[in-house]
């Protein structure tokens, strides 16, 4: 949960937006800043952040597929 909260804060979105896959306004400068922050992490921490992001993106994609198949 602690990692999730850090991720939400780093991405500058709400937990609901992240969990539900709802779009939020994208601030390109903020995205670039967050990517730079990830790059500056020690390699093991950067891998952890990437793994969390991959898991979230996979879950969001699966949820989107389920929602479209239920229609």
Protein backbone atom coordinates (compact mmCIF):
# COMPACT_ATOMS: atom_id res chain seq x y z
CA UNK A 1 0.00 0.00 0.00
CA UNK A 2 2.87 2.33 0.80
CA UNK A 3 4.27 1.82 -2.70
CA UNK A 4 0.85 2.47 -4.22
CA UNK A 5 0.53 5.77 -2.33
CA UNK A 6 4.00 6.80 -3.49
CA UNK A 7 3.06 5.88 -7.04
CA UNK A 8 -0.15 7.93 -6.90
CA UNK A 9 1.80 10.88 -5.55
CA UNK A 10 4.55 10.49 -8.14
CA UNK A 11 2.05 10.33 -10.99
CA UNK A 12 0.06 13.28 -9.67
CA UNK A 13 -3.29 11.56 -9.91
CA UNK A 14 -5.88 10.24 -7.51
CA UNK A 15 -6.06 6.62 -6.39
CA UNK A 16 -9.47 6.36 -8.07
CA UNK A 17 -8.09 7.61 -11.35
CA UNK A 18 -5.28 5.09 -11.22
CA UNK A 19 -7.43 2.14 -10.14
CA UNK A 20 -10.34 2.86 -12.46
CA UNK A 21 -8.18 3.83 -15.39
CA UNK A 22 -9.92 7.18 -15.67
CA UNK A 23 -7.96 9.76 -17.62
CA UNK A 24 -6.57 12.77 -15.85
CA UNK A 25 -5.11 15.88 -17.44
CA UNK A 26 -1.58 15.11 -18.53
CA UNK A 27 1.02 17.69 -17.64
CA UNK A 28 3.95 16.80 -19.89
CA UNK A 29 6.38 18.69 -17.66
CA UNK A 30 5.21 16.70 -14.64
CA UNK A 31 5.52 13.43 -16.58
CA UNK A 32 9.06 14.30 -17.63
CA UNK A 33 9.93 15.24 -14.05
CA UNK A 34 8.57 11.95 -12.72
CA UNK A 35 10.43 9.93 -15.33
CA UNK A 36 13.61 11.73 -14.38
CA UNK A 37 12.93 10.92 -10.73
CA UNK A 38 12.57 7.24 -11.61
CA UNK A 39 15.80 7.33 -13.60
CA UNK A 40 17.62 8.82 -10.62
CA UNK A 41 16.56 5.98 -8.32
CA UNK A 42 18.99 3.17 -7.54
CA UNK A 43 18.51 0.42 -10.17
CA UNK A 44 16.72 -1.98 -7.82
CA UNK A 45 14.20 0.70 -6.79
CA UNK A 46 13.68 1.83 -10.38
CA UNK A 47 12.96 -1.80 -11.36
CA UNK A 48 10.47 -2.02 -8.51
CA UNK A 49 8.65 1.12 -9.69
CA UNK A 50 8.59 -0.23 -13.25
CA UNK A 51 7.25 -3.58 -12.05
CA UNK A 52 4.46 -1.83 -10.14
CA UNK A 53 3.61 0.28 -13.19
CA UNK A 54 3.61 -2.80 -15.42
CA UNK A 55 1.25 -4.60 -13.05
CA UNK A 56 -1.11 -1.64 -12.89
CA UNK A 57 -1.12 -1.18 -16.66
CA UNK A 58 -1.76 -4.90 -17.19
CA UNK A 59 -4.66 -4.83 -14.73
CA UNK A 60 -6.11 -1.73 -16.37
CA UNK A 61 -5.89 -3.31 -19.81
CA UNK A 62 -7.56 -6.49 -18.57
CA UNK A 63 -10.32 -4.46 -16.91
CA UNK A 64 -10.87 -2.54 -20.13
CA UNK A 65 -11.08 -5.80 -22.10
CA UNK A 66 -13.58 -7.25 -19.60
CA UNK A 67 -15.70 -4.11 -19.72
CA UNK A 68 -15.79 -4.11 -23.51
CA UNK A 69 -16.67 -7.83 -23.65
CA UNK A 70 -19.55 -7.29 -21.21
CA UNK A 71 -21.21 -4.77 -23.54
